[in-house]
């Protein structure tokens, strides 16, 4: 009887080992598939090249996408822009689904289930106008993809080498200079609710947001923002605290 129990236990352990191995293989395969997918998307953008508009093309809705984004937009019209930080793996489309705010938290660009998701703008922001502040979320993945490399901004030396974030809307390419990087928490009533700010009702509202970002900053950048400036705020998970977030805020300095 005891031998039978040991045998059953052995079979259960073997079965669990096989299941665990399958999960690891599946996770690795998905990681490779998603990296390849994003590389293909980036390749399409690079091959399309830059478009030189005649004069200044105003930002806003009802504009044709820049040439380099037209093919991707035709594949998925929930694409709202592109985020890139040179010298990092951050080079991804940005999605926006106001009616289903967190859809791309767990879906790929082609709307398939994916643990990697796609960076996406908060529902209450407007990437197309853009709003005063566009909040963009991205996962912190163990393989270093998505927004994982934002953690580099914890180190001022990294910041010195990556001061500029490229955030394009569909109709205008934009450069943003990093103003502050900080850590906070969410959903606990104590952290800075940076994710709520999209449009300033008053000049004081804008100044308050900028002031809070600067006061929490891990180091001084010498960069600030004035009322009327446009901001982009990138957020990813940070694990030193429960529900922690690492946040990088940058102000627009020009268009390309």
C-alpha atoms as a PDB file:
ATOM      1  CA  UNK A   1       0.000   0.000   0.000  1.00  0.00           C
ATOM      2  CA  UNK A   2       2.830   2.332   0.916  1.00  0.00           C
ATOM      3  CA  UNK A   3       4.561   1.635  -2.411  1.00  0.00           C
ATOM      4  CA  UNK A   4       1.344   2.481  -4.213  1.00  0.00           C
ATOM      5  CA  UNK A   5       1.098   5.795  -2.364  1.00  0.00           C
ATOM      6  CA  UNK A   6       4.733   6.601  -3.197  1.00  0.00           C
ATOM      7  CA  UNK A   7       4.111   5.734  -6.842  1.00  0.00           C
ATOM      8  CA  UNK A   8       1.048   7.998  -7.010  1.00  0.00           C
ATOM      9  CA  UNK A   9       3.048  10.771  -5.332  1.00  0.00           C
ATOM     10  CA  UNK A  10       5.834  10.303  -7.857  1.00  0.00           C
ATOM     11  CA  UNK A  11       3.367  10.519 -10.749  1.00  0.00           C
ATOM     12  CA  UNK A  12       1.837  13.707  -9.330  1.00  0.00           C
ATOM     13  CA  UNK A  13       5.273  15.304  -8.912  1.00  0.00           C
ATOM     14  CA  UNK A  14       6.223  14.291 -12.445  1.00  0.00           C
ATOM     15  CA  UNK A  15       2.954  15.704 -13.786  1.00  0.00           C
ATOM     16  CA  UNK A  16       3.496  19.004 -11.951  1.00  0.00           C
ATOM     17  CA  UNK A  17       7.039  19.184 -13.310  1.00  0.00           C
ATOM     18  CA  UNK A  18       5.793  18.653 -16.855  1.00  0.00           C
ATOM     19  CA  UNK A  19       3.086  21.293 -16.417  1.00  0.00           C
ATOM     20  CA  UNK A  20       5.629  23.772 -15.008  1.00  0.00           C
ATOM     21  CA  UNK A  21       8.035  23.056 -17.861  1.00  0.00           C
ATOM     22  CA  UNK A  22       5.275  23.593 -20.406  1.00  0.00           C
ATOM     23  CA  UNK A  23       4.404  26.918 -18.788  1.00  0.00           C
ATOM     24  CA  UNK A  24       8.030  28.048 -18.918  1.00  0.00           C
ATOM     25  CA  UNK A  25       8.330  27.030 -22.570  1.00  0.00           C
ATOM     26  CA  UNK A  26       5.033  28.746 -23.394  1.00  0.00           C
ATOM     27  CA  UNK A  27       6.126  31.944 -21.630  1.00  0.00           C
ATOM     28  CA  UNK A  28       9.481  31.946 -23.420  1.00  0.00           C
ATOM     29  CA  UNK A  29       7.806  31.304 -26.782  1.00  0.00           C
ATOM     30  CA  UNK A  30       5.357  34.150 -26.175  1.00  0.00           C
ATOM     31  CA  UNK A  31       8.210  36.479 -25.225  1.00  0.00           C
ATOM     32  CA  UNK A  32      10.050  35.659 -28.452  1.00  0.00           C
ATOM     33  CA  UNK A  33       6.872  36.037 -30.497  1.00  0.00           C
ATOM     34  CA  UNK A  34       6.088  39.455 -29.004  1.00  0.00           C
ATOM     35  CA  UNK A  35       9.639  40.734 -29.467  1.00  0.00           C
ATOM     36  CA  UNK A  36       9.522  39.667 -33.106  1.00  0.00           C
ATOM     37  CA  UNK A  37       6.126  41.295 -33.546  1.00  0.00           C
ATOM     38  CA  UNK A  38       7.301  44.650 -32.181  1.00  0.00           C
ATOM     39  CA  UNK A  39      10.474  44.432 -34.260  1.00  0.00           C
ATOM     40  CA  UNK A  40       8.303  43.974 -37.363  1.00  0.00           C
ATOM     41  CA  UNK A  41       6.177  46.976 -36.438  1.00  0.00           C
ATOM     42  CA  UNK A  42       9.263  49.120 -35.883  1.00  0.00           C
ATOM     43  CA  UNK A  43      10.657  47.900 -39.199  1.00  0.00           C
ATOM     44  CA  UNK A  44       7.514  48.986 -41.032  1.00  0.00           C
ATOM     45  CA  UNK A  45       7.821  52.460 -39.519  1.00  0.00           C
ATOM     46  CA  UNK A  46      11.513  52.746 -40.384  1.00  0.00           C
ATOM     47  CA  UNK A  47      11.028  51.556 -43.957  1.00  0.00           C
ATOM     48  CA  UNK A  48       8.183  53.997 -44.552  1.00  0.00           C
ATOM     49  CA  UNK A  49      10.567  56.839 -43.741  1.00  0.00           C
ATOM     50  CA  UNK A  50       9.849  60.403 -42.819  1.00  0.00           C
ATOM     51  CA  UNK A  51       7.218  62.586 -44.428  1.00  0.00           C
ATOM     52  CA  UNK A  52       7.866  66.246 -45.100  1.00  0.00           C
ATOM     53  CA  UNK A  53       4.561  68.106 -44.811  1.00  0.00           C
ATOM     54  CA  UNK A  54       3.916  71.303 -46.745  1.00  0.00           C
ATOM     55  CA  UNK A  55       4.099  73.949 -44.081  1.00  0.00           C
ATOM     56  CA  UNK A  56       2.962  73.378 -40.539  1.00  0.00           C
ATOM     57  CA  UNK A  57       0.376  70.628 -40.212  1.00  0.00           C
ATOM     58  CA  UNK A  58      -1.861  71.254 -37.182  1.00  0.00           C
ATOM     59  CA  UNK A  59      -2.306  68.496 -34.671  1.00  0.00           C
ATOM     60  CA  UNK A  60      -5.724  67.125 -33.874  1.00  0.00           C
ATOM     61  CA  UNK A  61      -8.289  64.612 -34.925  1.00  0.00           C
ATOM     62  CA  UNK A  62      -9.433  64.064 -38.524  1.00  0.00           C
ATOM     63  CA  UNK A  63      -5.898  64.380 -39.875  1.00  0.00           C
ATOM     64  CA  UNK A  64      -4.254  61.788 -42.107  1.00  0.00           C
ATOM     65  CA  UNK A  65      -1.482  59.890 -40.286  1.00  0.00           C
ATOM     66  CA  UNK A  66       2.116  60.623 -41.153  1.00  0.00           C
ATOM     67  CA  UNK A  67       3.373  58.387 -43.922  1.00  0.00           C
ATOM     68  CA  UNK A  68       5.437  56.217 -41.592  1.00  0.00           C
ATOM     69  CA  UNK A  69       2.390  55.326 -39.493  1.00  0.00           C
ATOM     70  CA  UNK A  70      -0.210  54.831 -42.226  1.00  0.00           C
ATOM     71  CA  UNK A  71       0.273  51.098 -42.687  1.00  0.00           C
ATOM     72  CA  UNK A  72       0.088  50.374 -38.958  1.00  0.00           C
ATOM     73  CA  UNK A  73      -2.945  52.633 -38.539  1.00  0.00           C
ATOM     74  CA  UNK A  74      -4.682  50.801 -41.388  1.00  0.00           C
ATOM     75  CA  UNK A  75      -4.080  47.539 -39.491  1.00  0.00           C
ATOM     76  CA  UNK A  76      -5.332  48.926 -36.187  1.00  0.00           C
ATOM     77  CA  UNK A  77      -7.045  52.301 -35.940  1.00  0.00           C
ATOM     78  CA  UNK A  78      -6.704  52.256 -32.155  1.00  0.00           C
ATOM     79  CA  UNK A  79      -3.074  53.237 -32.599  1.00  0.00           C
ATOM     80  CA  UNK A  80      -2.598  56.798 -31.335  1.00  0.00           C
ATOM     81  CA  UNK A  81       1.134  57.371 -31.670  1.00  0.00           C
ATOM     82  CA  UNK A  82       4.644  56.033 -31.168  1.00  0.00           C
ATOM     83  CA  UNK A  83       7.039  56.168 -28.199  1.00  0.00           C
ATOM     84  CA  UNK A  84      10.810  55.824 -28.526  1.00  0.00           C
ATOM     85  CA  UNK A  85      13.828  56.417 -26.282  1.00  0.00           C
ATOM     86  CA  UNK A  86      17.031  56.087 -28.266  1.00  0.00           C
ATOM     87  CA  UNK A  87      19.568  53.649 -26.846  1.00  0.00           C
ATOM     88  CA  UNK A  88      16.880  51.532 -25.167  1.00  0.00           C
ATOM     89  CA  UNK A  89      14.399  48.840 -26.194  1.00  0.00           C
ATOM     90  CA  UNK A  90      11.557  51.325 -25.817  1.00  0.00           C
ATOM     91  CA  UNK A  91      10.341  51.685 -29.410  1.00  0.00           C
ATOM     92  CA  UNK A  92       6.643  50.877 -29.543  1.00  0.00           C
ATOM     93  CA  UNK A  93       3.256  51.972 -30.820  1.00  0.00           C
ATOM     94  CA  UNK A  94       0.983  53.704 -28.327  1.00  0.00           C
ATOM     95  CA  UNK A  95      -2.665  52.684 -28.249  1.00  0.00           C
ATOM     96  CA  UNK A  96      -5.747  54.557 -27.020  1.00  0.00           C
ATOM     97  CA  UNK A  97      -9.139  53.001 -26.266  1.00  0.00           C
ATOM     98  CA  UNK A  98     -11.257  55.432 -24.193  1.00  0.00           C
ATOM     99  CA  UNK A  99     -14.280  53.105 -24.270  1.00  0.00           C
ATOM    100  CA  UNK A 100     -12.225  50.141 -23.011  1.00  0.00           C
ATOM    101  CA  UNK A 101      -9.402  51.867 -21.101  1.00  0.00           C
ATOM    102  CA  UNK A 102      -7.150  48.921 -20.168  1.00  0.00           C
ATOM    103  CA  UNK A 103      -7.683  46.721 -23.216  1.00  0.00           C
ATOM    104  CA  UNK A 104      -4.025  46.836 -24.269  1.00  0.00           C
ATOM    105  CA  UNK A 105      -2.835  45.932 -20.810  1.00  0.00           C
ATOM    106  CA  UNK A 106      -3.252  42.317 -21.909  1.00  0.00           C
ATOM    107  CA  UNK A 107      -3.602  42.434 -25.697  1.00  0.00           C
ATOM    108  CA  UNK A 108      -1.164  42.636 -28.587  1.00  0.00           C
ATOM    109  CA  UNK A 109      -1.211  45.157 -31.427  1.00  0.00           C
ATOM    110  CA  UNK A 110      -3.300  42.667 -33.405  1.00  0.00           C
ATOM    111  CA  UNK A 111      -5.764  42.415 -30.497  1.00  0.00           C
ATOM    112  CA  UNK A 112      -4.709  38.902 -29.443  1.00  0.00           C
ATOM    113  CA  UNK A 113      -4.262  38.023 -25.783  1.00  0.00           C
ATOM    114  CA  UNK A 114      -0.749  38.908 -24.632  1.00  0.00           C
ATOM    115  CA  UNK A 115       0.788  39.240 -21.175  1.00  0.00           C
ATOM    116  CA  UNK A 116       3.078  41.876 -22.674  1.00  0.00           C
ATOM    117  CA  UNK A 117       0.311  44.154 -23.877  1.00  0.00           C
ATOM    118  CA  UNK A 118       1.146  47.345 -25.765  1.00  0.00           C
ATOM    119  CA  UNK A 119       1.921  50.764 -24.238  1.00  0.00           C
ATOM    120  CA  UNK A 120      -1.316  52.735 -24.079  1.00  0.00           C
ATOM    121  CA  UNK A 121      -2.526  56.198 -23.168  1.00  0.00           C
ATOM    122  CA  UNK A 122      -4.902  56.731 -20.264  1.00  0.00           C
ATOM    123  CA  UNK A 123      -8.535  57.021 -21.332  1.00  0.00           C
ATOM    124  CA  UNK A 124      -8.994  60.604 -20.105  1.00  0.00           C
ATOM    125  CA  UNK A 125      -5.987  61.867 -22.080  1.00  0.00           C
ATOM    126  CA  UNK A 126      -6.056  62.911 -25.721  1.00  0.00           C
ATOM    127  CA  UNK A 127      -2.905  61.966 -27.655  1.00  0.00           C
ATOM    128  CA  UNK A 128      -4.301  63.469 -30.866  1.00  0.00           C
ATOM    129  CA  UNK A 129      -4.754  67.065 -29.657  1.00  0.00           C
ATOM    130  CA  UNK A 130      -2.681  66.474 -27.491  1.00  0.00           C
ATOM    131  CA  UNK A 131      -3.986  67.155 -23.983  1.00  0.00           C
ATOM    132  CA  UNK A 132      -1.775  69.120 -21.567  1.00  0.00           C
ATOM    133  CA  UNK A 133      -0.457  65.798 -20.313  1.00  0.00           C
ATOM    134  CA  UNK A 134      -0.544  62.383 -21.969  1.00  0.00           C
ATOM    135  CA  UNK A 135      -0.145  59.549 -19.461  1.00  0.00           C
ATOM    136  CA  UNK A 136       1.242  56.368 -21.054  1.00  0.00           C
ATOM    137  CA  UNK A 137       1.362  52.995 -19.291  1.00  0.00           C
ATOM    138  CA  UNK A 138       3.671  50.097 -20.103  1.00  0.00           C
ATOM    139  CA  UNK A 139       4.551  46.803 -18.417  1.00  0.00           C
ATOM    140  CA  UNK A 140       7.756  46.136 -16.484  1.00  0.00           C
ATOM    141  CA  UNK A 141       8.844  42.780 -17.972  1.00  0.00           C
ATOM    142  CA  UNK A 142      11.552  40.472 -16.650  1.00  0.00           C
ATOM    143  CA  UNK A 143      13.130  40.134 -20.098  1.00  0.00           C
ATOM    144  CA  UNK A 144      13.802  43.880 -20.247  1.00  0.00           C
ATOM    145  CA  UNK A 145      11.150  44.751 -22.830  1.00  0.00           C
ATOM    146  CA  UNK A 146       8.227  47.174 -22.773  1.00  0.00           C
ATOM    147  CA  UNK A 147       8.823  49.952 -20.179  1.00  0.00           C
ATOM    148  CA  UNK A 148      11.337  48.006 -18.073  1.00  0.00           C
ATOM    149  CA  UNK A 149      14.221  50.269 -19.058  1.00  0.00           C
ATOM    150  CA  UNK A 150      12.501  53.258 -17.501  1.00  0.00           C
ATOM    151  CA  UNK A 151      14.083  51.998 -14.279  1.00  0.00           C
ATOM    152  CA  UNK A 152      17.341  53.336 -15.690  1.00  0.00           C
ATOM    153  CA  UNK A 153      16.064  56.818 -14.835  1.00  0.00           C
ATOM    154  CA  UNK A 154      16.613  55.997 -11.174  1.00  0.00           C
ATOM    155  CA  UNK A 155      20.265  56.751 -11.975  1.00  0.00           C
ATOM    156  CA  UNK A 156      21.180  60.287 -12.993  1.00  0.00           C
ATOM    157  CA  UNK A 157      23.972  58.997 -15.240  1.00  0.00           C
ATOM    158  CA  UNK A 158      21.353  57.148 -17.284  1.00  0.00           C
ATOM    159  CA  UNK A 159      19.250  60.303 -17.442  1.00  0.00           C
ATOM    160  CA  UNK A 160      22.238  62.293 -18.732  1.00  0.00           C
ATOM    161  CA  UNK A 161      22.485  59.888 -21.685  1.00  0.00           C
ATOM    162  CA  UNK A 162      18.719  59.655 -22.319  1.00  0.00           C
ATOM    163  CA  UNK A 163      17.356  63.141 -21.763  1.00  0.00           C
ATOM    164  CA  UNK A 164      15.028  63.131 -24.757  1.00  0.00           C
ATOM    165  CA  UNK A 165      11.907  61.016 -25.263  1.00  0.00           C
ATOM    166  CA  UNK A 166      10.395  60.877 -28.741  1.00  0.00           C
ATOM    167  CA  UNK A 167       6.607  60.740 -28.575  1.00  0.00           C
ATOM    168  CA  UNK A 168       4.806  61.081 -31.890  1.00  0.00           C
ATOM    169  CA  UNK A 169       1.115  61.525 -32.359  1.00  0.00           C
ATOM    170  CA  UNK A 170      -0.221  60.127 -35.620  1.00  0.00           C
ATOM    171  CA  UNK A 171       0.121  63.537 -37.274  1.00  0.00           C
ATOM    172  CA  UNK A 172       3.141  65.153 -35.619  1.00  0.00           C
ATOM    173  CA  UNK A 173       6.532  63.902 -34.454  1.00  0.00           C
ATOM    174  CA  UNK A 174       7.519  65.348 -31.088  1.00  0.00           C
ATOM    175  CA  UNK A 175      10.562  65.568 -28.814  1.00  0.00           C
ATOM    176  CA  UNK A 176      10.196  65.767 -25.046  1.00  0.00           C
ATOM    177  CA  UNK A 177      12.907  66.589 -22.498  1.00  0.00           C
ATOM    178  CA  UNK A 178      12.830  64.634 -19.238  1.00  0.00           C
ATOM    179  CA  UNK A 179      11.849  66.914 -16.370  1.00  0.00           C
ATOM    180  CA  UNK A 180      11.567  64.497 -13.435  1.00  0.00           C
ATOM    181  CA  UNK A 181      11.751  60.821 -12.530  1.00  0.00           C
ATOM    182  CA  UNK A 182      10.201  59.648  -9.299  1.00  0.00           C
ATOM    183  CA  UNK A 183       8.670  56.731  -7.420  1.00  0.00           C
ATOM    184  CA  UNK A 184       5.233  56.685  -5.869  1.00  0.00           C
ATOM    185  CA  UNK A 185       2.402  54.291  -5.057  1.00  0.00           C
ATOM    186  CA  UNK A 186      -1.130  53.960  -6.390  1.00  0.00           C
ATOM    187  CA  UNK A 187      -4.496  52.846  -5.029  1.00  0.00           C
ATOM    188  CA  UNK A 188      -3.474  53.351  -1.386  1.00  0.00           C
ATOM    189  CA  UNK A 189      -4.587  56.944  -0.735  1.00  0.00           C
ATOM    190  CA  UNK A 190      -1.019  58.026   0.070  1.00  0.00           C
ATOM    191  CA  UNK A 191       0.815  58.207  -3.232  1.00  0.00           C
ATOM    192  CA  UNK A 192       0.810  61.044  -5.755  1.00  0.00           C
ATOM    193  CA  UNK A 193      -2.130  60.606  -8.114  1.00  0.00           C
ATOM    194  CA  UNK A 194      -0.144  61.710 -11.142  1.00  0.00           C
ATOM    195  CA  UNK A 195      -2.311  59.568 -13.418  1.00  0.00           C
ATOM    196  CA  UNK A 196      -5.350  61.813 -12.971  1.00  0.00           C
ATOM    197  CA  UNK A 197      -3.849  64.918 -14.563  1.00  0.00           C
ATOM    198  CA  UNK A 198      -4.645  65.388 -18.256  1.00  0.00           C
ATOM    199  CA  UNK A 199      -5.809  68.976 -18.755  1.00  0.00           C
ATOM    200  CA  UNK A 200      -5.242  71.913 -16.434  1.00  0.00           C
ATOM    201  CA  UNK A 201      -8.380  73.839 -15.608  1.00  0.00           C
ATOM    202  CA  UNK A 202      -6.248  76.750 -14.434  1.00  0.00           C
ATOM    203  CA  UNK A 203      -2.619  77.829 -14.535  1.00  0.00           C
ATOM    204  CA  UNK A 204      -2.409  76.929 -10.853  1.00  0.00           C
ATOM    205  CA  UNK A 205      -3.480  73.337 -11.605  1.00  0.00           C
ATOM    206  CA  UNK A 206      -0.615  73.000 -14.059  1.00  0.00           C
ATOM    207  CA  UNK A 207       1.911  74.504 -11.672  1.00  0.00           C
ATOM    208  CA  UNK A 208       0.751  72.225  -8.872  1.00  0.00           C
ATOM    209  CA  UNK A 209       1.303  69.117 -10.988  1.00  0.00           C
ATOM    210  CA  UNK A 210       4.767  70.241 -12.083  1.00  0.00           C
ATOM    211  CA  UNK A 211       5.689  71.222  -8.526  1.00  0.00           C
ATOM    212  CA  UNK A 212       4.665  67.822  -7.141  1.00  0.00           C
ATOM    213  CA  UNK A 213       6.649  66.008  -9.835  1.00  0.00           C
ATOM    214  CA  UNK A 214       9.731  68.111  -9.064  1.00  0.00           C
ATOM    215  CA  UNK A 215       9.406  67.663  -5.296  1.00  0.00           C
ATOM    216  CA  UNK A 216       9.304  63.862  -5.668  1.00  0.00           C
ATOM    217  CA  UNK A 217      12.134  63.760  -8.226  1.00  0.00           C
ATOM    218  CA  UNK A 218      15.016  61.387  -7.505  1.00  0.00           C
ATOM    219  CA  UNK A 219      17.461  64.102  -8.632  1.00  0.00           C
ATOM    220  CA  UNK A 220      17.414  67.589 -10.095  1.00  0.00           C
ATOM    221  CA  UNK A 221      17.384  67.850 -13.887  1.00  0.00           C
ATOM    222  CA  UNK A 222      17.295  71.618 -14.162  1.00  0.00           C
ATOM    223  CA  UNK A 223      14.228  71.254 -16.396  1.00  0.00           C
ATOM    224  CA  UNK A 224      10.776  72.529 -15.535  1.00  0.00           C
ATOM    225  CA  UNK A 225       7.577  73.383 -17.399  1.00  0.00           C
ATOM    226  CA  UNK A 226       5.362  76.423 -17.673  1.00  0.00           C
ATOM    227  CA  UNK A 227       1.632  76.715 -18.227  1.00  0.00           C
ATOM    228  CA  UNK A 228       0.991  76.101 -21.914  1.00  0.00           C
ATOM    229  CA  UNK A 229       3.710  73.463 -22.261  1.00  0.00           C
ATOM    230  CA  UNK A 230       2.758  69.932 -23.274  1.00  0.00           C
ATOM    231  CA  UNK A 231       3.824  66.987 -21.121  1.00  0.00           C
ATOM    232  CA  UNK A 232       4.132  63.242 -21.482  1.00  0.00           C
ATOM    233  CA  UNK A 233       4.141  61.035 -18.381  1.00  0.00           C
ATOM    234  CA  UNK A 234       5.400  57.448 -18.637  1.00  0.00           C
ATOM    235  CA  UNK A 235       4.506  54.955 -15.920  1.00  0.00           C
ATOM    236  CA  UNK A 236       5.522  51.374 -15.155  1.00  0.00           C
ATOM    237  CA  UNK A 237       5.430  49.070 -12.135  1.00  0.00           C
ATOM    238  CA  UNK A 238       8.113  49.460  -9.460  1.00  0.00           C
ATOM    239  CA  UNK A 239       8.578  46.744  -6.850  1.00  0.00           C
ATOM    240  CA  UNK A 240      10.187  48.377  -3.813  1.00  0.00           C
ATOM    241  CA  UNK A 241       6.684  49.089  -2.467  1.00  0.00           C
ATOM    242  CA  UNK A 242       3.290  47.471  -2.865  1.00  0.00           C
ATOM    243  CA  UNK A 243       1.541  48.993  -5.889  1.00  0.00           C
ATOM    244  CA  UNK A 244       4.688  50.969  -6.603  1.00  0.00           C
ATOM    245  CA  UNK A 245       5.157  52.972  -9.785  1.00  0.00           C
ATOM    246  CA  UNK A 246       8.179  54.488 -11.469  1.00  0.00           C
ATOM    247  CA  UNK A 247       7.185  57.648 -13.303  1.00  0.00           C
ATOM    248  CA  UNK A 248       9.095  59.721 -15.855  1.00  0.00           C
ATOM    249  CA  UNK A 249       7.692  63.137 -16.840  1.00  0.00           C
ATOM    250  CA  UNK A 250       8.942  65.131 -19.833  1.00  0.00           C
ATOM    251  CA  UNK A 251       7.983  68.436 -21.477  1.00  0.00           C
ATOM    252  CA  UNK A 252       7.713  69.022 -25.183  1.00  0.00           C
ATOM    253  CA  UNK A 253      10.641  70.926 -26.636  1.00  0.00           C
ATOM    254  CA  UNK A 254       9.960  70.635 -30.348  1.00  0.00           C
ATOM    255  CA  UNK A 255       8.506  68.862 -33.352  1.00  0.00           C
ATOM    256  CA  UNK A 256      10.293  66.955 -36.097  1.00  0.00           C
END
